[in-house]
Amino acid sequence: MFLVVRAGFKALLHDEPSDSPAPEQETSVSAEPRRQAAASIAQGRPVEMVVPVLGLRAGFEQGDCRVVDGKIDPKSMDKACALTGEDYPYELPGTDAGDIVVVAGHTGAGVDAVFNKLYDGKAERHTVATGDTLFVRTEASGDDWLKYTATDLHDPDKGALAGNAEIWGTGPMPGRLLTISCIQPANLLADSVRNAVVGWQLAGTATGDEVEMAFEPR
């Protein structure tokens, strides 16, 4: 892009105007092209996630999700985790991930927790809608992010989660990511008996600047 500036000049050393017309000057300013995100990002351990419409930013535990008695139980309240390992078919996020990426995080009854914003227990509703966006940055992505779009919302009983084909499918599901948390009931003294699950589908990649521009909590 070129910006042309035209300006006339008066004589600087005389009170009287110059008889000859002032020469025209041209000044050019070139704009650097906007950087594009890498089209392909290798699989890597997630380090940060953002759900712009919720104002949610979350870091990740360095290792796999802890599993206790067959149930995902992240070690910390303030960080998410990814579930992988020899006992599970799940994969780390990347544009070439061949099956589901599982991301889990705690919610808290009356206390701060990493996934509190993903479900409104008092209103008994998901706080994201289909079409909303999730961004994930990994150890392999550098300054770029993986972009996912919400496709399906679920709130199954905890005992029924593992066998729900609508959530897990019946075969490999490339590009699919799940966020899983507990639903805290409106009664703070009651036990949590359901999970909040959002299915997301890979929709491309984004630069850090594009993620920041998308960060507009509703």
C-alpha atoms as a PDB file:
ATOM      1  CA  MET A   1       0.000   0.000   0.000  1.00  0.00           C
ATOM      2  CA  PHE A   2       1.391   3.382  -0.926  1.00  0.00           C
ATOM      3  CA  LEU A   3       0.401   6.661   0.648  1.00  0.00           C
ATOM      4  CA  VAL A   4       1.133   9.705  -1.541  1.00  0.00           C
ATOM      5  CA  VAL A   5       1.433  13.032   0.254  1.00  0.00           C
ATOM      6  CA  ARG A   6       1.373  16.221  -1.801  1.00  0.00           C
ATOM      7  CA  ALA A   7       2.418  19.486  -0.140  1.00  0.00           C
ATOM      8  CA  GLY A   8       3.335  23.026  -1.201  1.00  0.00           C
ATOM      9  CA  PHE A   9       6.113  24.986   0.470  1.00  0.00           C
ATOM     10  CA  LYS A  10       6.782  28.682   1.105  1.00  0.00           C
ATOM     11  CA  ALA A  11      10.231  30.206   1.018  1.00  0.00           C
ATOM     12  CA  LEU A  12      11.725  29.879   4.474  1.00  0.00           C
ATOM     13  CA  LEU A  13      14.219  32.785   4.345  1.00  0.00           C
ATOM     14  CA  HIS A  14      12.039  35.529   2.785  1.00  0.00           C
ATOM     15  CA  ASP A  15       8.857  37.278   3.820  1.00  0.00           C
ATOM     16  CA  GLU A  16       7.616  37.472   0.258  1.00  0.00           C
ATOM     17  CA  PRO A  17       6.191  34.409  -1.477  1.00  0.00           C
ATOM     18  CA  SER A  18       8.312  32.698  -4.070  1.00  0.00           C
ATOM     19  CA  ASP A  19       7.501  33.331  -7.727  1.00  0.00           C
ATOM     20  CA  SER A  20       8.121  29.747  -8.769  1.00  0.00           C
ATOM     21  CA  PRO A  21       5.645  26.977  -7.900  1.00  0.00           C
ATOM     22  CA  ALA A  22       6.627  24.687  -5.075  1.00  0.00           C
ATOM     23  CA  PRO A  23       7.860  21.254  -6.103  1.00  0.00           C
ATOM     24  CA  GLU A  24       5.736  18.268  -5.288  1.00  0.00           C
ATOM     25  CA  GLN A  25       7.050  15.621  -2.928  1.00  0.00           C
ATOM     26  CA  GLU A  26       6.018  12.008  -2.701  1.00  0.00           C
ATOM     27  CA  THR A  27       6.309   9.939   0.433  1.00  0.00           C
ATOM     28  CA  SER A  28       5.666   6.217   0.348  1.00  0.00           C
ATOM     29  CA  VAL A  29       4.817   4.040   3.335  1.00  0.00           C
ATOM     30  CA  SER A  30       4.731   0.296   2.805  1.00  0.00           C
ATOM     31  CA  ALA A  31       2.617  -1.959   5.050  1.00  0.00           C
ATOM     32  CA  GLU A  32       4.001  -5.347   5.997  1.00  0.00           C
ATOM     33  CA  PRO A  33       1.727  -8.244   5.004  1.00  0.00           C
ATOM     34  CA  ARG A  34      -0.177  -9.857   7.864  1.00  0.00           C
ATOM     35  CA  ARG A  35       1.467 -13.086   9.022  1.00  0.00           C
ATOM     36  CA  GLN A  36      -0.480 -16.243   8.287  1.00  0.00           C
ATOM     37  CA  ALA A  37      -0.706 -19.130  10.743  1.00  0.00           C
ATOM     38  CA  ALA A  38       0.930 -22.400   9.749  1.00  0.00           C
ATOM     39  CA  ALA A  39      -1.552 -24.588   7.890  1.00  0.00           C
ATOM     40  CA  SER A  40      -0.219 -27.712   9.596  1.00  0.00           C
ATOM     41  CA  ILE A  41       0.677 -28.067  13.284  1.00  0.00           C
ATOM     42  CA  ALA A  42       2.201 -31.293  14.587  1.00  0.00           C
ATOM     43  CA  GLN A  43       0.632 -32.979  17.588  1.00  0.00           C
ATOM     44  CA  GLY A  44       1.865 -31.636  20.897  1.00  0.00           C
ATOM     45  CA  ARG A  45       0.980 -31.328  24.542  1.00  0.00           C
ATOM     46  CA  PRO A  46      -1.418 -28.415  25.118  1.00  0.00           C
ATOM     47  CA  VAL A  47      -0.181 -25.471  27.170  1.00  0.00           C
ATOM     48  CA  GLU A  48      -3.057 -22.968  26.920  1.00  0.00           C
ATOM     49  CA  MET A  49      -6.666 -22.771  25.769  1.00  0.00           C
ATOM     50  CA  VAL A  50      -9.023 -19.866  25.169  1.00  0.00           C
ATOM     51  CA  VAL A  51     -12.802 -19.728  24.771  1.00  0.00           C
ATOM     52  CA  PRO A  52     -13.251 -16.101  23.661  1.00  0.00           C
ATOM     53  CA  VAL A  53     -17.015 -15.728  24.211  1.00  0.00           C
ATOM     54  CA  LEU A  54     -16.630 -16.800  27.853  1.00  0.00           C
ATOM     55  CA  GLY A  55     -13.501 -14.811  28.612  1.00  0.00           C
ATOM     56  CA  LEU A  56     -11.958 -18.150  29.569  1.00  0.00           C
ATOM     57  CA  ARG A  57      -8.194 -18.628  29.520  1.00  0.00           C
ATOM     58  CA  ALA A  58      -6.721 -21.797  30.984  1.00  0.00           C
ATOM     59  CA  GLY A  59      -3.291 -23.279  31.395  1.00  0.00           C
ATOM     60  CA  PHE A  60      -2.578 -27.008  31.375  1.00  0.00           C
ATOM     61  CA  GLU A  61      -0.953 -29.481  33.704  1.00  0.00           C
ATOM     62  CA  GLN A  62       2.332 -30.725  32.261  1.00  0.00           C
ATOM     63  CA  GLY A  63       1.414 -34.405  32.312  1.00  0.00           C
ATOM     64  CA  ASP A  64      -1.609 -36.520  31.472  1.00  0.00           C
ATOM     65  CA  CYS A  65      -4.848 -36.235  33.408  1.00  0.00           C
ATOM     66  CA  ARG A  66      -4.858 -38.213  36.616  1.00  0.00           C
ATOM     67  CA  VAL A  67      -7.345 -41.093  36.601  1.00  0.00           C
ATOM     68  CA  VAL A  68      -8.716 -42.434  39.905  1.00  0.00           C
ATOM     69  CA  ASP A  69     -10.943 -45.527  39.975  1.00  0.00           C
ATOM     70  CA  GLY A  70     -11.583 -45.158  36.267  1.00  0.00           C
ATOM     71  CA  LYS A  71     -12.617 -41.496  36.527  1.00  0.00           C
ATOM     72  CA  ILE A  72     -10.701 -38.445  35.328  1.00  0.00           C
ATOM     73  CA  ASP A  73      -9.552 -36.423  38.339  1.00  0.00           C
ATOM     74  CA  PRO A  74      -7.214 -33.545  37.411  1.00  0.00           C
ATOM     75  CA  LYS A  75      -4.547 -32.849  40.005  1.00  0.00           C
ATOM     76  CA  SER A  76      -5.203 -29.113  40.229  1.00  0.00           C
ATOM     77  CA  MET A  77      -8.294 -26.922  40.435  1.00  0.00           C
ATOM     78  CA  ASP A  78      -6.895 -24.100  38.324  1.00  0.00           C
ATOM     79  CA  LYS A  79      -5.519 -25.967  35.296  1.00  0.00           C
ATOM     80  CA  ALA A  80      -6.939 -28.217  32.601  1.00  0.00           C
ATOM     81  CA  CYS A  81      -5.358 -31.504  31.542  1.00  0.00           C
ATOM     82  CA  ALA A  82      -5.235 -33.735  28.471  1.00  0.00           C
ATOM     83  CA  LEU A  83      -5.886 -37.470  28.699  1.00  0.00           C
ATOM     84  CA  THR A  84      -3.542 -39.704  26.719  1.00  0.00           C
ATOM     85  CA  GLY A  85      -1.549 -42.832  27.456  1.00  0.00           C
ATOM     86  CA  GLU A  86      -1.158 -46.481  26.532  1.00  0.00           C
ATOM     87  CA  ASP A  87      -4.495 -47.399  28.098  1.00  0.00           C
ATOM     88  CA  TYR A  88      -6.467 -44.868  26.036  1.00  0.00           C
ATOM     89  CA  PRO A  89      -6.972 -44.256  22.305  1.00  0.00           C
ATOM     90  CA  TYR A  90      -7.044 -40.480  22.748  1.00  0.00           C
ATOM     91  CA  GLU A  91      -4.484 -38.208  21.118  1.00  0.00           C
ATOM     92  CA  LEU A  92      -2.719 -34.908  21.655  1.00  0.00           C
ATOM     93  CA  PRO A  93      -4.036 -31.933  19.664  1.00  0.00           C
ATOM     94  CA  GLY A  94      -2.654 -31.198  16.210  1.00  0.00           C
ATOM     95  CA  THR A  95      -3.975 -30.799  12.688  1.00  0.00           C
ATOM     96  CA  ASP A  96      -3.112 -34.448  12.023  1.00  0.00           C
ATOM     97  CA  ALA A  97      -4.669 -35.924  15.186  1.00  0.00           C
ATOM     98  CA  GLY A  98      -6.321 -39.172  14.117  1.00  0.00           C
ATOM     99  CA  ASP A  99      -8.774 -39.522  16.984  1.00  0.00           C
ATOM    100  CA  ILE A 100     -10.445 -37.652  19.838  1.00  0.00           C
ATOM    101  CA  VAL A 101      -8.536 -35.159  21.994  1.00  0.00           C
ATOM    102  CA  VAL A 102      -9.841 -35.238  25.579  1.00  0.00           C
ATOM    103  CA  VAL A 103      -9.464 -32.124  27.739  1.00  0.00           C
ATOM    104  CA  ALA A 104     -10.772 -32.143  31.305  1.00  0.00           C
ATOM    105  CA  GLY A 105     -10.949 -29.615  34.117  1.00  0.00           C
ATOM    106  CA  HIS A 106     -12.512 -29.195  37.524  1.00  0.00           C
ATOM    107  CA  THR A 107     -15.481 -27.056  38.468  1.00  0.00           C
ATOM    108  CA  GLY A 108     -16.123 -25.951  42.039  1.00  0.00           C
ATOM    109  CA  ALA A 109     -19.177 -25.439  44.221  1.00  0.00           C
ATOM    110  CA  GLY A 110     -18.633 -21.938  45.550  1.00  0.00           C
ATOM    111  CA  VAL A 111     -14.894 -21.976  44.781  1.00  0.00           C
ATOM    112  CA  ASP A 112     -12.836 -20.931  41.777  1.00  0.00           C
ATOM    113  CA  ALA A 113     -12.025 -23.667  39.280  1.00  0.00           C
ATOM    114  CA  VAL A 114     -10.688 -23.741  35.752  1.00  0.00           C
ATOM    115  CA  PHE A 115     -13.906 -24.829  33.972  1.00  0.00           C
ATOM    116  CA  ASN A 116     -16.496 -22.986  36.076  1.00  0.00           C
ATOM    117  CA  LYS A 117     -17.411 -20.819  33.084  1.00  0.00           C
ATOM    118  CA  LEU A 118     -18.294 -23.746  30.819  1.00  0.00           C
ATOM    119  CA  TYR A 119     -21.634 -24.519  32.482  1.00  0.00           C
ATOM    120  CA  ASP A 120     -24.194 -22.534  34.504  1.00  0.00           C
ATOM    121  CA  GLY A 121     -25.331 -24.912  37.230  1.00  0.00           C
ATOM    122  CA  LYS A 122     -27.998 -22.571  38.586  1.00  0.00           C
ATOM    123  CA  ALA A 123     -29.625 -22.144  35.182  1.00  0.00           C
ATOM    124  CA  GLU A 124     -28.793 -25.736  34.196  1.00  0.00           C
ATOM    125  CA  ARG A 125     -27.467 -24.785  30.785  1.00  0.00           C
ATOM    126  CA  HIS A 126     -24.290 -24.779  28.749  1.00  0.00           C
ATOM    127  CA  THR A 127     -22.698 -21.362  28.416  1.00  0.00           C
ATOM    128  CA  VAL A 128     -21.271 -22.016  24.950  1.00  0.00           C
ATOM    129  CA  ALA A 129     -23.388 -22.499  21.849  1.00  0.00           C
ATOM    130  CA  THR A 130     -22.761 -24.466  18.681  1.00  0.00           C
ATOM    131  CA  GLY A 131     -20.576 -22.385  16.412  1.00  0.00           C
ATOM    132  CA  ASP A 132     -18.571 -20.837  19.254  1.00  0.00           C
ATOM    133  CA  THR A 133     -14.795 -21.062  19.034  1.00  0.00           C
ATOM    134  CA  LEU A 134     -12.073 -22.674  21.147  1.00  0.00           C
ATOM    135  CA  PHE A 135      -8.366 -22.049  20.574  1.00  0.00           C
ATOM    136  CA  VAL A 136      -5.576 -24.335  21.798  1.00  0.00           C
ATOM    137  CA  ARG A 137      -1.857 -23.561  21.864  1.00  0.00           C
ATOM    138  CA  THR A 138       0.564 -26.467  22.206  1.00  0.00           C
ATOM    139  CA  GLU A 139       4.250 -27.119  22.762  1.00  0.00           C
ATOM    140  CA  ALA A 140       4.517 -27.758  19.011  1.00  0.00           C
ATOM    141  CA  SER A 141       2.494 -24.795  17.725  1.00  0.00           C
ATOM    142  CA  GLY A 142       4.850 -21.948  18.630  1.00  0.00           C
ATOM    143  CA  ASP A 143       2.951 -18.664  18.413  1.00  0.00           C
ATOM    144  CA  ASP A 144       0.113 -20.262  16.433  1.00  0.00           C
ATOM    145  CA  TRP A 145      -3.070 -21.845  17.745  1.00  0.00           C
ATOM    146  CA  LEU A 146      -5.380 -24.658  16.729  1.00  0.00           C
ATOM    147  CA  LYS A 147      -8.932 -23.463  16.126  1.00  0.00           C
ATOM    148  CA  TYR A 148     -11.991 -25.568  17.008  1.00  0.00           C
ATOM    149  CA  THR A 149     -15.724 -24.936  16.600  1.00  0.00           C
ATOM    150  CA  ALA A 150     -18.379 -26.207  19.022  1.00  0.00           C
ATOM    151  CA  THR A 151     -20.586 -28.813  17.339  1.00  0.00           C
ATOM    152  CA  ASP A 152     -22.536 -30.615  20.083  1.00  0.00           C
ATOM    153  CA  LEU A 153     -23.439 -30.170  23.767  1.00  0.00           C
ATOM    154  CA  HIS A 154     -24.160 -32.898  26.333  1.00  0.00           C
ATOM    155  CA  ASP A 155     -24.921 -33.207  30.056  1.00  0.00           C
ATOM    156  CA  PRO A 156     -24.990 -36.972  30.755  1.00  0.00           C
ATOM    157  CA  ASP A 157     -25.143 -38.694  34.115  1.00  0.00           C
ATOM    158  CA  LYS A 158     -21.607 -39.555  35.170  1.00  0.00           C
ATOM    159  CA  GLY A 159     -22.340 -43.273  35.041  1.00  0.00           C
ATOM    160  CA  ALA A 160     -23.532 -43.029  31.443  1.00  0.00           C
ATOM    161  CA  LEU A 161     -20.706 -40.887  30.069  1.00  0.00           C
ATOM    162  CA  ALA A 162     -18.312 -43.670  29.095  1.00  0.00           C
ATOM    163  CA  GLY A 163     -20.877 -45.525  26.975  1.00  0.00           C
ATOM    164  CA  ASN A 164     -22.416 -42.544  25.189  1.00  0.00           C
ATOM    165  CA  ALA A 165     -21.830 -43.074  21.458  1.00  0.00           C
ATOM    166  CA  GLU A 166     -23.096 -39.561  20.660  1.00  0.00           C
ATOM    167  CA  ILE A 167     -20.066 -38.242  22.519  1.00  0.00           C
ATOM    168  CA  TRP A 168     -17.383 -40.816  21.757  1.00  0.00           C
ATOM    169  CA  GLY A 169     -18.555 -42.174  18.412  1.00  0.00           C
ATOM    170  CA  THR A 170     -18.110 -45.782  17.336  1.00  0.00           C
ATOM    171  CA  GLY A 171     -14.720 -45.437  15.643  1.00  0.00           C
ATOM    172  CA  PRO A 172     -11.844 -42.983  15.207  1.00  0.00           C
ATOM    173  CA  MET A 173     -12.948 -39.338  15.060  1.00  0.00           C
ATOM    174  CA  PRO A 174     -10.131 -37.224  13.565  1.00  0.00           C
ATOM    175  CA  GLY A 175     -10.172 -33.546  14.519  1.00  0.00           C
ATOM    176  CA  ARG A 176     -12.648 -33.979  17.376  1.00  0.00           C
ATOM    177  CA  LEU A 177     -11.935 -32.489  20.805  1.00  0.00           C
ATOM    178  CA  LEU A 178     -13.983 -32.890  23.982  1.00  0.00           C
ATOM    179  CA  THR A 179     -14.021 -30.609  27.006  1.00  0.00           C
ATOM    180  CA  ILE A 180     -15.293 -32.469  30.061  1.00  0.00           C
ATOM    181  CA  SER A 181     -16.161 -31.097  33.489  1.00  0.00           C
ATOM    182  CA  CYS A 182     -18.573 -31.747  36.343  1.00  0.00           C
ATOM    183  CA  ILE A 183     -21.900 -29.960  36.656  1.00  0.00           C
ATOM    184  CA  GLN A 184     -22.213 -28.320  40.050  1.00  0.00           C
ATOM    185  CA  PRO A 185     -25.875 -28.348  41.156  1.00  0.00           C
ATOM    186  CA  ALA A 186     -27.634 -25.199  42.321  1.00  0.00           C
ATOM    187  CA  ASN A 187     -27.776 -26.706  45.815  1.00  0.00           C
ATOM    188  CA  LEU A 188     -24.185 -26.345  46.979  1.00  0.00           C
ATOM    189  CA  LEU A 189     -24.671 -29.190  49.467  1.00  0.00           C
ATOM    190  CA  ALA A 190     -25.770 -31.664  46.793  1.00  0.00           C
ATOM    191  CA  ASP A 191     -23.390 -34.036  45.046  1.00  0.00           C
ATOM    192  CA  SER A 192     -22.388 -33.538  41.423  1.00  0.00           C
ATOM    193  CA  VAL A 193     -23.940 -36.372  39.424  1.00  0.00           C
ATOM    194  CA  ARG A 194     -23.642 -35.122  35.827  1.00  0.00           C
ATOM    195  CA  ASN A 195     -20.911 -34.064  33.435  1.00  0.00           C
ATOM    196  CA  ALA A 196     -20.826 -31.081  31.103  1.00  0.00           C
ATOM    197  CA  VAL A 197     -19.383 -32.191  27.766  1.00  0.00           C
ATOM    198  CA  VAL A 198     -18.818 -30.040  24.703  1.00  0.00           C
ATOM    199  CA  GLY A 199     -17.785 -31.548  21.372  1.00  0.00           C
ATOM    200  CA  TRP A 200     -15.534 -29.381  19.200  1.00  0.00           C
ATOM    201  CA  GLN A 201     -14.279 -29.938  15.648  1.00  0.00           C
ATOM    202  CA  LEU A 202     -10.987 -28.723  14.219  1.00  0.00           C
ATOM    203  CA  ALA A 203     -11.611 -25.718  11.975  1.00  0.00           C
ATOM    204  CA  GLY A 204      -8.085 -24.615  11.104  1.00  0.00           C
ATOM    205  CA  THR A 205      -5.291 -22.604  12.673  1.00  0.00           C
ATOM    206  CA  ALA A 206      -4.888 -19.021  13.861  1.00  0.00           C
ATOM    207  CA  THR A 207      -2.167 -16.573  14.815  1.00  0.00           C
ATOM    208  CA  GLY A 208      -1.864 -15.119  18.291  1.00  0.00           C
ATOM    209  CA  ASP A 209      -3.108 -11.778  16.964  1.00  0.00           C
ATOM    210  CA  GLU A 210      -6.227 -13.433  15.561  1.00  0.00           C
ATOM    211  CA  VAL A 211      -6.918 -15.087  18.919  1.00  0.00           C
ATOM    212  CA  GLU A 212      -6.632 -11.757  20.718  1.00  0.00           C
ATOM    213  CA  MET A 213      -8.951 -10.100  18.192  1.00  0.00           C
ATOM    214  CA  ALA A 214     -11.528 -12.853  18.780  1.00  0.00           C
ATOM    215  CA  PHE A 215     -11.407 -12.392  22.559  1.00  0.00           C
ATOM    216  CA  GLU A 216     -14.777 -10.661  23.077  1.00  0.00           C
ATOM    217  CA  PRO A 217     -16.704 -12.140  26.041  1.00  0.00           C
ATOM    218  CA  ARG A 218     -20.449 -11.827  25.596  1.00  0.00           C
END
